[in-house]
Amino acid sequence: MKTTRPRSRRLRGFTTILLFLLPALVLFFGLVVAPILLAFYASVFKWNGMRGLPTDFIGMANFTRLLADEVFLGDLWRGLLLIILSVAIQLPLSLGIAMLLNQKIRGRAFFRLLFFAPYVLSEAITAVLFMMILSPTDGLANYILGWFGVDPLDWFADPSTVMMSVFIVMTWKYFGFHMILYIAGRQGIPKELTEAAQIDGATGWKVFRYVTLPLLGPTIRISVFLSVIGAIQLFDLVWIITGGGPSHSSETMAVTMFQFGFKRFQVGYASAISVVMFLISLVFAIFYQRYVMRRDLEGASTVLRDQR
């Protein structure tokens, strides 16, 4: 009797947990796992997305086509460019503003709200807003450049400027999110550490370099991870503003996938692009967590074990 009661309690507890998890598991399988499996399945077929499941098996032909597609290879380069610009410019800008707004300055709550507000806006509103600001005919940006005698720029219509223009929009939209991450991370650093460094004679820059920045490491690594994944999967802003133009010069992998899947009805080929996007994101996530965030994850596991 003593052994059956604990077993029955464990069984009831397991059943209760399963019942609570079941709705989430059903949604996760239906909205995440099933589409991924369908994309892998469709990627080896020639299929227009209609007339039931695909039947025209072509093996790895879609992936072979990807390797010879100049537009897709250009998508990889443009994605890499956005990643480099985000890590080299957007994140340091966010970090600098976060450190500034962490100081005791008048109106810092207002400025935090002001800089975070663009992240709350939808991508569609952001895209339409910058289409007006960067309009080549009557946009505010060209109007300001005219004060300095600079000729109007075709921000989104010129292949030589379109990617930088898209990056400007990305930075305006997302830097506030990373700024809030850095502010939260900075506020988690004990004041005693910075005060002790100042007592020892460290200047403001040395306190930041040798105390604040190392302790912000976990936050910075998470910020970089989110920025890279976001650049790989960028779609909304590009699709609304340029549609991938001019002449594919602003296309990303997600835009190319949408073009082939919903414009040209080559769903098999679009599925192959989605599979490549998924694999790139997956490999990066595994590598990043395994080698870059390893100490952060081990530290979190240790804290959880200690709390138990």
C-alpha atoms as a PDB file:
ATOM      1  CA  MET A   1       0.000   0.000   0.000  1.00  0.00           C
ATOM      2  CA  LYS A   2       2.843   2.369   0.796  1.00  0.00           C
ATOM      3  CA  THR A   3       4.368   1.959  -2.653  1.00  0.00           C
ATOM      4  CA  THR A   4       1.126   2.229  -4.606  1.00  0.00           C
ATOM      5  CA  ARG A   5       0.106   5.579  -3.089  1.00  0.00           C
ATOM      6  CA  PRO A   6       3.238   7.475  -4.207  1.00  0.00           C
ATOM      7  CA  ARG A   7       2.924   5.905  -7.646  1.00  0.00           C
ATOM      8  CA  SER A   8      -0.713   6.933  -7.966  1.00  0.00           C
ATOM      9  CA  ARG A   9       0.167  10.461  -6.837  1.00  0.00           C
ATOM     10  CA  ARG A  10       2.943  10.673  -9.415  1.00  0.00           C
ATOM     11  CA  LEU A  11       0.577   9.358 -12.088  1.00  0.00           C
ATOM     12  CA  ARG A  12      -2.073  11.955 -11.194  1.00  0.00           C
ATOM     13  CA  GLY A  13       0.579  14.668 -11.201  1.00  0.00           C
ATOM     14  CA  PHE A  14       1.864  13.546 -14.604  1.00  0.00           C
ATOM     15  CA  THR A  15      -1.687  13.460 -15.976  1.00  0.00           C
ATOM     16  CA  THR A  16      -2.387  16.964 -14.689  1.00  0.00           C
ATOM     17  CA  ILE A  17       0.815  18.321 -16.249  1.00  0.00           C
ATOM     18  CA  LEU A  18      -0.018  16.625 -19.558  1.00  0.00           C
ATOM     19  CA  LEU A  19      -3.525  18.107 -19.617  1.00  0.00           C
ATOM     20  CA  PHE A  20      -2.150  21.604 -19.041  1.00  0.00           C
ATOM     21  CA  LEU A  21       0.521  21.150 -21.709  1.00  0.00           C
ATOM     22  CA  LEU A  22      -1.724  19.519 -24.297  1.00  0.00           C
ATOM     23  CA  PRO A  23      -3.245  22.714 -25.796  1.00  0.00           C
ATOM     24  CA  ALA A  24       0.201  24.307 -26.141  1.00  0.00           C
ATOM     25  CA  LEU A  25       1.646  21.125 -27.651  1.00  0.00           C
ATOM     26  CA  VAL A  26      -1.206  20.912 -30.184  1.00  0.00           C
ATOM     27  CA  LEU A  27      -0.663  24.531 -31.232  1.00  0.00           C
ATOM     28  CA  PHE A  28       3.103  24.080 -31.379  1.00  0.00           C
ATOM     29  CA  PHE A  29       2.827  20.992 -33.556  1.00  0.00           C
ATOM     30  CA  GLY A  30       0.154  22.491 -35.822  1.00  0.00           C
ATOM     31  CA  LEU A  31       1.778  25.907 -36.286  1.00  0.00           C
ATOM     32  CA  VAL A  32       5.503  25.088 -36.061  1.00  0.00           C
ATOM     33  CA  VAL A  33       6.409  21.410 -36.456  1.00  0.00           C
ATOM     34  CA  ALA A  34       3.882  20.512 -39.168  1.00  0.00           C
ATOM     35  CA  PRO A  35       4.780  23.466 -41.483  1.00  0.00           C
ATOM     36  CA  ILE A  36       8.488  22.654 -41.124  1.00  0.00           C
ATOM     37  CA  LEU A  37       7.905  19.011 -42.040  1.00  0.00           C
ATOM     38  CA  LEU A  38       5.685  20.035 -44.970  1.00  0.00           C
ATOM     39  CA  ALA A  39       8.371  22.439 -46.223  1.00  0.00           C
ATOM     40  CA  PHE A  40      10.998  19.678 -46.140  1.00  0.00           C
ATOM     41  CA  TYR A  41       8.604  17.347 -47.940  1.00  0.00           C
ATOM     42  CA  ALA A  42       7.581  19.856 -50.631  1.00  0.00           C
ATOM     43  CA  SER A  43      11.185  20.931 -51.281  1.00  0.00           C
ATOM     44  CA  VAL A  44      11.916  17.708 -53.172  1.00  0.00           C
ATOM     45  CA  PHE A  45       8.892  18.036 -55.456  1.00  0.00           C
ATOM     46  CA  LYS A  46       7.877  20.223 -58.364  1.00  0.00           C
ATOM     47  CA  TRP A  47       4.629  21.658 -57.020  1.00  0.00           C
ATOM     48  CA  ASN A  48       2.464  24.710 -57.590  1.00  0.00           C
ATOM     49  CA  GLY A  49       0.750  24.473 -54.195  1.00  0.00           C
ATOM     50  CA  MET A  50      -2.584  23.345 -55.609  1.00  0.00           C
ATOM     51  CA  ARG A  51      -4.382  20.094 -56.403  1.00  0.00           C
ATOM     52  CA  GLY A  52      -3.600  18.271 -53.194  1.00  0.00           C
ATOM     53  CA  LEU A  53      -0.208  17.070 -52.035  1.00  0.00           C
ATOM     54  CA  PRO A  54       2.771  17.146 -54.445  1.00  0.00           C
ATOM     55  CA  THR A  55       3.467  14.042 -56.529  1.00  0.00           C
ATOM     56  CA  ASP A  56       6.082  15.139 -59.100  1.00  0.00           C
ATOM     57  CA  PHE A  57       9.233  14.035 -57.268  1.00  0.00           C
ATOM     58  CA  ILE A  58      12.441  15.703 -58.508  1.00  0.00           C
ATOM     59  CA  GLY A  59      14.831  14.914 -55.674  1.00  0.00           C
ATOM     60  CA  MET A  60      17.470  17.564 -54.943  1.00  0.00           C
ATOM     61  CA  ALA A  61      16.845  19.513 -58.159  1.00  0.00           C
ATOM     62  CA  ASN A  62      15.402  22.511 -56.298  1.00  0.00           C
ATOM     63  CA  PHE A  63      18.505  22.759 -54.119  1.00  0.00           C
ATOM     64  CA  THR A  64      20.785  22.390 -57.138  1.00  0.00           C
ATOM     65  CA  ARG A  65      18.870  25.212 -58.759  1.00  0.00           C
ATOM     66  CA  LEU A  66      19.440  27.365 -55.662  1.00  0.00           C
ATOM     67  CA  LEU A  67      23.202  27.048 -55.972  1.00  0.00           C
ATOM     68  CA  ALA A  68      23.046  28.350 -59.542  1.00  0.00           C
ATOM     69  CA  ASP A  69      20.489  31.106 -58.876  1.00  0.00           C
ATOM     70  CA  GLU A  70      22.232  34.493 -58.904  1.00  0.00           C
ATOM     71  CA  VAL A  71      19.308  36.131 -57.098  1.00  0.00           C
ATOM     72  CA  PHE A  72      19.467  33.652 -54.226  1.00  0.00           C
ATOM     73  CA  LEU A  73      23.252  33.914 -53.986  1.00  0.00           C
ATOM     74  CA  GLY A  74      22.759  37.680 -53.886  1.00  0.00           C
ATOM     75  CA  ASP A  75      20.241  37.159 -51.071  1.00  0.00           C
ATOM     76  CA  LEU A  76      22.941  35.417 -49.047  1.00  0.00           C
ATOM     77  CA  TRP A  77      25.346  38.305 -49.591  1.00  0.00           C
ATOM     78  CA  ARG A  78      22.731  40.932 -48.728  1.00  0.00           C
ATOM     79  CA  GLY A  79      21.770  39.024 -45.597  1.00  0.00           C
ATOM     80  CA  LEU A  80      25.421  38.883 -44.557  1.00  0.00           C
ATOM     81  CA  LEU A  81      25.745  42.615 -45.225  1.00  0.00           C
ATOM     82  CA  LEU A  82      22.782  43.390 -42.976  1.00  0.00           C
ATOM     83  CA  ILE A  83      24.221  41.174 -40.235  1.00  0.00           C
ATOM     84  CA  ILE A  84      27.599  42.945 -40.391  1.00  0.00           C
ATOM     85  CA  LEU A  85      26.008  46.401 -40.361  1.00  0.00           C
ATOM     86  CA  SER A  86      23.699  45.467 -37.489  1.00  0.00           C
ATOM     87  CA  VAL A  87      26.488  44.109 -35.304  1.00  0.00           C
ATOM     88  CA  ALA A  88      28.974  46.852 -36.207  1.00  0.00           C
ATOM     89  CA  ILE A  89      26.678  49.907 -36.148  1.00  0.00           C
ATOM     90  CA  GLN A  90      23.182  49.261 -34.786  1.00  0.00           C
ATOM     91  CA  LEU A  91      24.167  47.436 -31.601  1.00  0.00           C
ATOM     92  CA  PRO A  92      27.030  49.785 -30.578  1.00  0.00           C
ATOM     93  CA  LEU A  93      24.654  52.713 -31.166  1.00  0.00           C
ATOM     94  CA  SER A  94      22.051  51.054 -28.934  1.00  0.00           C
ATOM     95  CA  LEU A  95      24.677  50.358 -26.271  1.00  0.00           C
ATOM     96  CA  GLY A  96      25.953  53.939 -26.296  1.00  0.00           C
ATOM     97  CA  ILE A  97      22.469  55.430 -25.961  1.00  0.00           C
ATOM     98  CA  ALA A  98      21.632  52.908 -23.216  1.00  0.00           C
ATOM     99  CA  MET A  99      24.696  53.930 -21.201  1.00  0.00           C
ATOM    100  CA  LEU A 100      23.808  57.595 -21.662  1.00  0.00           C
ATOM    101  CA  LEU A 101      20.197  57.102 -20.573  1.00  0.00           C
ATOM    102  CA  ASN A 102      21.339  55.110 -17.556  1.00  0.00           C
ATOM    103  CA  GLN A 103      22.903  58.271 -16.163  1.00  0.00           C
ATOM    104  CA  LYS A 104      20.976  60.641 -13.902  1.00  0.00           C
ATOM    105  CA  ILE A 105      19.905  63.156 -16.519  1.00  0.00           C
ATOM    106  CA  ARG A 106      16.731  65.186 -16.698  1.00  0.00           C
ATOM    107  CA  GLY A 107      13.999  63.625 -18.814  1.00  0.00           C
ATOM    108  CA  ARG A 108      15.665  60.225 -19.209  1.00  0.00           C
ATOM    109  CA  ALA A 109      12.321  58.425 -18.793  1.00  0.00           C
ATOM    110  CA  PHE A 110      10.910  60.486 -21.654  1.00  0.00           C
ATOM    111  CA  PHE A 111      13.895  59.733 -23.895  1.00  0.00           C
ATOM    112  CA  ARG A 112      13.719  56.030 -23.091  1.00  0.00           C
ATOM    113  CA  LEU A 113      10.070  56.027 -24.147  1.00  0.00           C
ATOM    114  CA  LEU A 114      10.857  58.103 -27.245  1.00  0.00           C
ATOM    115  CA  PHE A 115      13.620  55.777 -28.451  1.00  0.00           C
ATOM    116  CA  PHE A 116      11.660  52.616 -27.661  1.00  0.00           C
ATOM    117  CA  ALA A 117       8.467  53.826 -29.390  1.00  0.00           C
ATOM    118  CA  PRO A 118       9.537  52.843 -32.959  1.00  0.00           C
ATOM    119  CA  TYR A 119       9.823  49.204 -31.880  1.00  0.00           C
ATOM    120  CA  VAL A 120       6.160  49.238 -30.840  1.00  0.00           C
ATOM    121  CA  LEU A 121       5.058  50.382 -34.296  1.00  0.00           C
ATOM    122  CA  SER A 122       4.229  47.675 -36.807  1.00  0.00           C
ATOM    123  CA  GLU A 123       6.555  47.033 -39.716  1.00  0.00           C
ATOM    124  CA  ALA A 124       3.869  48.223 -42.130  1.00  0.00           C
ATOM    125  CA  ILE A 125       3.535  51.628 -40.431  1.00  0.00           C
ATOM    126  CA  THR A 126       7.328  51.987 -40.263  1.00  0.00           C
ATOM    127  CA  ALA A 127       7.676  51.139 -43.951  1.00  0.00           C
ATOM    128  CA  VAL A 128       5.017  53.620 -45.076  1.00  0.00           C
ATOM    129  CA  LEU A 129       6.491  56.318 -42.841  1.00  0.00           C
ATOM    130  CA  PHE A 130       9.958  55.995 -44.343  1.00  0.00           C
ATOM    131  CA  MET A 131       8.592  55.758 -47.861  1.00  0.00           C
ATOM    132  CA  MET A 132       7.324  59.294 -47.261  1.00  0.00           C
ATOM    133  CA  ILE A 133      10.447  60.540 -45.436  1.00  0.00           C
ATOM    134  CA  LEU A 134      12.817  59.149 -48.088  1.00  0.00           C
ATOM    135  CA  SER A 135      10.648  59.979 -51.079  1.00  0.00           C
ATOM    136  CA  PRO A 136      12.868  61.189 -53.953  1.00  0.00           C
ATOM    137  CA  THR A 137      10.447  63.999 -54.901  1.00  0.00           C
ATOM    138  CA  ASP A 138       9.003  65.533 -51.743  1.00  0.00           C
ATOM    139  CA  GLY A 139      10.604  63.573 -48.886  1.00  0.00           C
ATOM    140  CA  LEU A 140      11.875  65.242 -45.734  1.00  0.00           C
ATOM    141  CA  ALA A 141      15.350  63.709 -46.094  1.00  0.00           C
ATOM    142  CA  ASN A 142      16.003  65.211 -49.536  1.00  0.00           C
ATOM    143  CA  TYR A 143      14.536  68.522 -48.358  1.00  0.00           C
ATOM    144  CA  ILE A 144      17.107  68.665 -45.543  1.00  0.00           C
ATOM    145  CA  LEU A 145      19.929  67.655 -47.906  1.00  0.00           C
ATOM    146  CA  GLY A 146      18.902  70.531 -50.150  1.00  0.00           C
ATOM    147  CA  TRP A 147      19.826  72.992 -47.387  1.00  0.00           C
ATOM    148  CA  PHE A 148      23.439  71.848 -47.779  1.00  0.00           C
ATOM    149  CA  GLY A 149      23.407  71.921 -51.560  1.00  0.00           C
ATOM    150  CA  VAL A 150      23.233  68.125 -51.951  1.00  0.00           C
ATOM    151  CA  ASP A 151      21.283  66.771 -54.910  1.00  0.00           C
ATOM    152  CA  PRO A 152      18.185  64.666 -54.117  1.00  0.00           C
ATOM    153  CA  LEU A 153      18.842  60.946 -53.691  1.00  0.00           C
ATOM    154  CA  ASP A 154      16.746  58.060 -54.985  1.00  0.00           C
ATOM    155  CA  TRP A 155      16.984  56.274 -51.655  1.00  0.00           C
ATOM    156  CA  PHE A 156      15.008  53.149 -52.528  1.00  0.00           C
ATOM    157  CA  ALA A 157      15.155  53.356 -56.330  1.00  0.00           C
ATOM    158  CA  ASP A 158      18.940  53.358 -56.747  1.00  0.00           C
ATOM    159  CA  PRO A 159      20.682  49.955 -56.443  1.00  0.00           C
ATOM    160  CA  SER A 160      23.741  51.661 -54.924  1.00  0.00           C
ATOM    161  CA  THR A 161      21.789  53.184 -52.017  1.00  0.00           C
ATOM    162  CA  VAL A 162      18.831  50.877 -51.452  1.00  0.00           C
ATOM    163  CA  MET A 163      20.508  48.503 -48.973  1.00  0.00           C
ATOM    164  CA  MET A 164      21.868  51.333 -46.851  1.00  0.00           C
ATOM    165  CA  SER A 165      18.413  52.908 -46.902  1.00  0.00           C
ATOM    166  CA  VAL A 166      16.844  49.641 -45.763  1.00  0.00           C
ATOM    167  CA  PHE A 167      19.441  49.421 -43.002  1.00  0.00           C
ATOM    168  CA  ILE A 168      18.581  52.952 -41.855  1.00  0.00           C
ATOM    169  CA  VAL A 169      14.943  51.893 -41.534  1.00  0.00           C
ATOM    170  CA  MET A 170      15.963  48.710 -39.681  1.00  0.00           C
ATOM    171  CA  THR A 171      18.120  50.668 -37.266  1.00  0.00           C
ATOM    172  CA  TRP A 172      15.373  53.201 -36.511  1.00  0.00           C
ATOM    173  CA  LYS A 173      12.866  50.385 -35.972  1.00  0.00           C
ATOM    174  CA  TYR A 174      14.889  48.008 -33.802  1.00  0.00           C
ATOM    175  CA  PHE A 175      17.639  49.918 -31.990  1.00  0.00           C
ATOM    176  CA  GLY A 176      15.219  50.876 -29.183  1.00  0.00           C
ATOM    177  CA  PHE A 177      14.602  47.213 -28.390  1.00  0.00           C
ATOM    178  CA  HIS A 178      18.321  46.518 -27.968  1.00  0.00           C
ATOM    179  CA  MET A 179      18.680  49.754 -25.996  1.00  0.00           C
ATOM    180  CA  ILE A 180      16.128  48.514 -23.447  1.00  0.00           C
ATOM    181  CA  LEU A 181      17.984  45.194 -23.202  1.00  0.00           C
ATOM    182  CA  TYR A 182      21.233  47.004 -22.422  1.00  0.00           C
ATOM    183  CA  ILE A 183      19.581  49.315 -19.897  1.00  0.00           C
ATOM    184  CA  ALA A 184      18.087  46.313 -18.108  1.00  0.00           C
ATOM    185  CA  GLY A 185      21.460  44.566 -18.133  1.00  0.00           C
ATOM    186  CA  ARG A 186      23.232  47.684 -16.824  1.00  0.00           C
ATOM    187  CA  GLN A 187      20.761  48.077 -13.980  1.00  0.00           C
ATOM    188  CA  GLY A 188      21.477  44.480 -12.973  1.00  0.00           C
ATOM    189  CA  ILE A 189      25.140  45.323 -12.274  1.00  0.00           C
ATOM    190  CA  PRO A 190      25.687  46.076  -8.552  1.00  0.00           C
ATOM    191  CA  LYS A 191      26.583  49.706  -7.906  1.00  0.00           C
ATOM    192  CA  GLU A 192      29.227  48.593  -5.427  1.00  0.00           C
ATOM    193  CA  LEU A 193      31.408  47.289  -8.252  1.00  0.00           C
ATOM    194  CA  THR A 194      31.493  50.556 -10.189  1.00  0.00           C
ATOM    195  CA  GLU A 195      31.884  52.582  -7.005  1.00  0.00           C
ATOM    196  CA  ALA A 196      34.817  50.428  -5.903  1.00  0.00           C
ATOM    197  CA  ALA A 197      36.486  50.952  -9.293  1.00  0.00           C
ATOM    198  CA  GLN A 198      35.998  54.711  -9.035  1.00  0.00           C
ATOM    199  CA  ILE A 199      37.457  54.737  -5.524  1.00  0.00           C
ATOM    200  CA  ASP A 200      40.508  52.916  -6.904  1.00  0.00           C
ATOM    201  CA  GLY A 201      40.971  55.790  -9.341  1.00  0.00           C
ATOM    202  CA  ALA A 202      39.400  54.364 -12.496  1.00  0.00           C
ATOM    203  CA  THR A 203      38.076  56.921 -14.962  1.00  0.00           C
ATOM    204  CA  GLY A 204      34.648  56.709 -16.556  1.00  0.00           C
ATOM    205  CA  TRP A 205      36.007  54.963 -19.659  1.00  0.00           C
ATOM    206  CA  LYS A 206      38.003  52.432 -17.621  1.00  0.00           C
ATOM    207  CA  VAL A 207      34.981  51.660 -15.454  1.00  0.00           C
ATOM    208  CA  PHE A 208      32.996  50.984 -18.597  1.00  0.00           C
ATOM    209  CA  ARG A 209      35.796  49.018 -20.290  1.00  0.00           C
ATOM    210  CA  TYR A 210      36.842  46.809 -17.386  1.00  0.00           C
ATOM    211  CA  VAL A 211      33.719  46.580 -15.210  1.00  0.00           C
ATOM    212  CA  THR A 212      30.504  47.417 -17.059  1.00  0.00           C
ATOM    213  CA  LEU A 213      31.237  45.900 -20.467  1.00  0.00           C
ATOM    214  CA  PRO A 214      32.381  42.457 -19.200  1.00  0.00           C
ATOM    215  CA  LEU A 215      29.359  42.198 -16.902  1.00  0.00           C
ATOM    216  CA  LEU A 216      27.100  43.147 -19.820  1.00  0.00           C
ATOM    217  CA  GLY A 217      28.516  40.209 -21.790  1.00  0.00           C
ATOM    218  CA  PRO A 218      25.475  37.899 -21.439  1.00  0.00           C
ATOM    219  CA  THR A 219      23.093  40.699 -22.485  1.00  0.00           C
ATOM    220  CA  ILE A 220      25.268  41.661 -25.457  1.00  0.00           C
ATOM    221  CA  ARG A 221      25.502  38.054 -26.610  1.00  0.00           C
ATOM    222  CA  ILE A 222      21.715  37.663 -26.515  1.00  0.00           C
ATOM    223  CA  SER A 223      21.331  40.958 -28.385  1.00  0.00           C
ATOM    224  CA  VAL A 224      23.734  39.820 -31.107  1.00  0.00           C
ATOM    225  CA  PHE A 225      21.888  36.508 -31.427  1.00  0.00           C
ATOM    226  CA  LEU A 226      18.499  38.200 -31.873  1.00  0.00           C
ATOM    227  CA  SER A 227      19.961  40.715 -34.325  1.00  0.00           C
ATOM    228  CA  VAL A 228      21.506  38.034 -36.545  1.00  0.00           C
ATOM    229  CA  ILE A 229      18.369  35.876 -36.616  1.00  0.00           C
ATOM    230  CA  GLY A 230      16.275  38.949 -37.391  1.00  0.00           C
ATOM    231  CA  ALA A 231      18.528  39.929 -40.302  1.00  0.00           C
ATOM    232  CA  ILE A 232      18.356  36.400 -41.743  1.00  0.00           C
ATOM    233  CA  GLN A 233      14.550  36.392 -41.622  1.00  0.00           C
ATOM    234  CA  LEU A 234      13.941  40.024 -42.645  1.00  0.00           C
ATOM    235  CA  PHE A 235      10.835  40.312 -44.814  1.00  0.00           C
ATOM    236  CA  ASP A 236       8.142  42.845 -43.900  1.00  0.00           C
ATOM    237  CA  LEU A 237      10.071  46.094 -44.288  1.00  0.00           C
ATOM    238  CA  VAL A 238      11.711  45.078 -47.559  1.00  0.00           C
ATOM    239  CA  TRP A 239       8.533  43.717 -49.104  1.00  0.00           C
ATOM    240  CA  ILE A 240       6.464  46.810 -48.362  1.00  0.00           C
ATOM    241  CA  ILE A 241       9.114  49.404 -49.220  1.00  0.00           C
ATOM    242  CA  THR A 242      10.841  47.962 -52.295  1.00  0.00           C
ATOM    243  CA  GLY A 243       9.331  44.564 -53.035  1.00  0.00           C
ATOM    244  CA  GLY A 244      12.926  43.384 -53.458  1.00  0.00           C
ATOM    245  CA  GLY A 245      13.748  45.936 -56.169  1.00  0.00           C
ATOM    246  CA  PRO A 246      15.158  47.622 -58.010  1.00  0.00           C
ATOM    247  CA  SER A 247      16.381  44.650 -60.056  1.00  0.00           C
ATOM    248  CA  HIS A 248      16.557  42.330 -57.007  1.00  0.00           C
ATOM    249  CA  SER A 249      19.088  44.655 -55.349  1.00  0.00           C
ATOM    250  CA  SER A 250      17.253  44.646 -52.006  1.00  0.00           C
ATOM    251  CA  GLU A 251      15.834  41.130 -51.989  1.00  0.00           C
ATOM    252  CA  THR A 252      16.322  38.900 -48.977  1.00  0.00           C
ATOM    253  CA  MET A 253      15.823  35.147 -48.755  1.00  0.00           C
ATOM    254  CA  ALA A 254      12.360  35.629 -47.268  1.00  0.00           C
ATOM    255  CA  VAL A 255      11.328  37.997 -50.066  1.00  0.00           C
ATOM    256  CA  THR A 256      12.607  35.595 -52.746  1.00  0.00           C
ATOM    257  CA  MET A 257      10.752  32.751 -51.064  1.00  0.00           C
ATOM    258  CA  PHE A 258       7.532  34.784 -51.080  1.00  0.00           C
ATOM    259  CA  GLN A 259       8.015  35.768 -54.717  1.00  0.00           C
ATOM    260  CA  PHE A 260       8.334  32.166 -55.885  1.00  0.00           C
ATOM    261  CA  GLY A 261       5.724  30.752 -53.520  1.00  0.00           C
ATOM    262  CA  PHE A 262       2.877  33.272 -53.854  1.00  0.00           C
ATOM    263  CA  LYS A 263       3.628  35.160 -57.052  1.00  0.00           C
ATOM    264  CA  ARG A 264       4.994  32.489 -59.382  1.00  0.00           C
ATOM    265  CA  PHE A 265       3.361  29.511 -57.645  1.00  0.00           C
ATOM    266  CA  GLN A 266       6.598  27.521 -57.604  1.00  0.00           C
ATOM    267  CA  VAL A 267       5.930  26.235 -54.099  1.00  0.00           C
ATOM    268  CA  GLY A 268       8.463  23.418 -54.312  1.00  0.00           C
ATOM    269  CA  TYR A 269      11.289  25.834 -55.065  1.00  0.00           C
ATOM    270  CA  ALA A 270      10.044  28.288 -52.427  1.00  0.00           C
ATOM    271  CA  SER A 271       9.996  25.427 -49.914  1.00  0.00           C
ATOM    272  CA  ALA A 272      13.627  24.676 -50.747  1.00  0.00           C
ATOM    273  CA  ILE A 273      14.492  28.317 -49.978  1.00  0.00           C
ATOM    274  CA  SER A 274      12.612  28.089 -46.672  1.00  0.00           C
ATOM    275  CA  VAL A 275      14.491  24.906 -45.797  1.00  0.00           C
ATOM    276  CA  VAL A 276      17.823  26.622 -46.436  1.00  0.00           C
ATOM    277  CA  MET A 277      16.733  29.582 -44.290  1.00  0.00           C
ATOM    278  CA  PHE A 278      15.724  27.198 -41.526  1.00  0.00           C
ATOM    279  CA  LEU A 279      18.980  25.255 -41.690  1.00  0.00           C
ATOM    280  CA  ILE A 280      21.106  28.432 -41.683  1.00  0.00           C
ATOM    281  CA  SER A 281      19.229  29.726 -38.627  1.00  0.00           C
ATOM    282  CA  LEU A 282      19.403  26.339 -36.902  1.00  0.00           C
ATOM    283  CA  VAL A 283      23.123  25.833 -37.509  1.00  0.00           C
ATOM    284  CA  PHE A 284      23.882  29.371 -36.364  1.00  0.00           C
ATOM    285  CA  ALA A 285      21.727  28.958 -33.233  1.00  0.00           C
ATOM    286  CA  ILE A 286      23.382  25.656 -32.287  1.00  0.00           C
ATOM    287  CA  PHE A 287      26.895  26.962 -32.951  1.00  0.00           C
ATOM    288  CA  TYR A 288      26.229  30.250 -31.136  1.00  0.00           C
ATOM    289  CA  GLN A 289      24.745  28.601 -28.057  1.00  0.00           C
ATOM    290  CA  ARG A 290      27.385  25.895 -28.023  1.00  0.00           C
ATOM    291  CA  TYR A 291      30.470  28.105 -28.315  1.00  0.00           C
ATOM    292  CA  VAL A 292      29.459  31.719 -27.603  1.00  0.00           C
ATOM    293  CA  MET A 293      26.737  31.434 -24.956  1.00  0.00           C
ATOM    294  CA  ARG A 294      28.121  28.318 -23.325  1.00  0.00           C
ATOM    295  CA  ARG A 295      29.157  29.976 -20.064  1.00  0.00           C
ATOM    296  CA  ASP A 296      25.898  31.910 -19.847  1.00  0.00           C
ATOM    297  CA  LEU A 297      23.825  28.738 -20.213  1.00  0.00           C
ATOM    298  CA  GLU A 298      26.006  26.829 -17.740  1.00  0.00           C
ATOM    299  CA  GLY A 299      25.642  29.675 -15.246  1.00  0.00           C
ATOM    300  CA  ALA A 300      21.848  29.661 -15.623  1.00  0.00           C
ATOM    301  CA  SER A 301      21.754  25.880 -15.122  1.00  0.00           C
ATOM    302  CA  THR A 302      23.868  26.210 -11.975  1.00  0.00           C
ATOM    303  CA  VAL A 303      21.519  28.841 -10.541  1.00  0.00           C
ATOM    304  CA  LEU A 304      18.500  26.644 -11.214  1.00  0.00           C
ATOM    305  CA  ARG A 305      20.163  23.672  -9.504  1.00  0.00           C
ATOM    306  CA  ASP A 306      21.043  25.817  -6.496  1.00  0.00           C
ATOM    307  CA  GLN A 307      17.451  27.048  -6.218  1.00  0.00           C
ATOM    308  CA  ARG A 308      16.205  23.486  -6.115  1.00  0.00           C
END
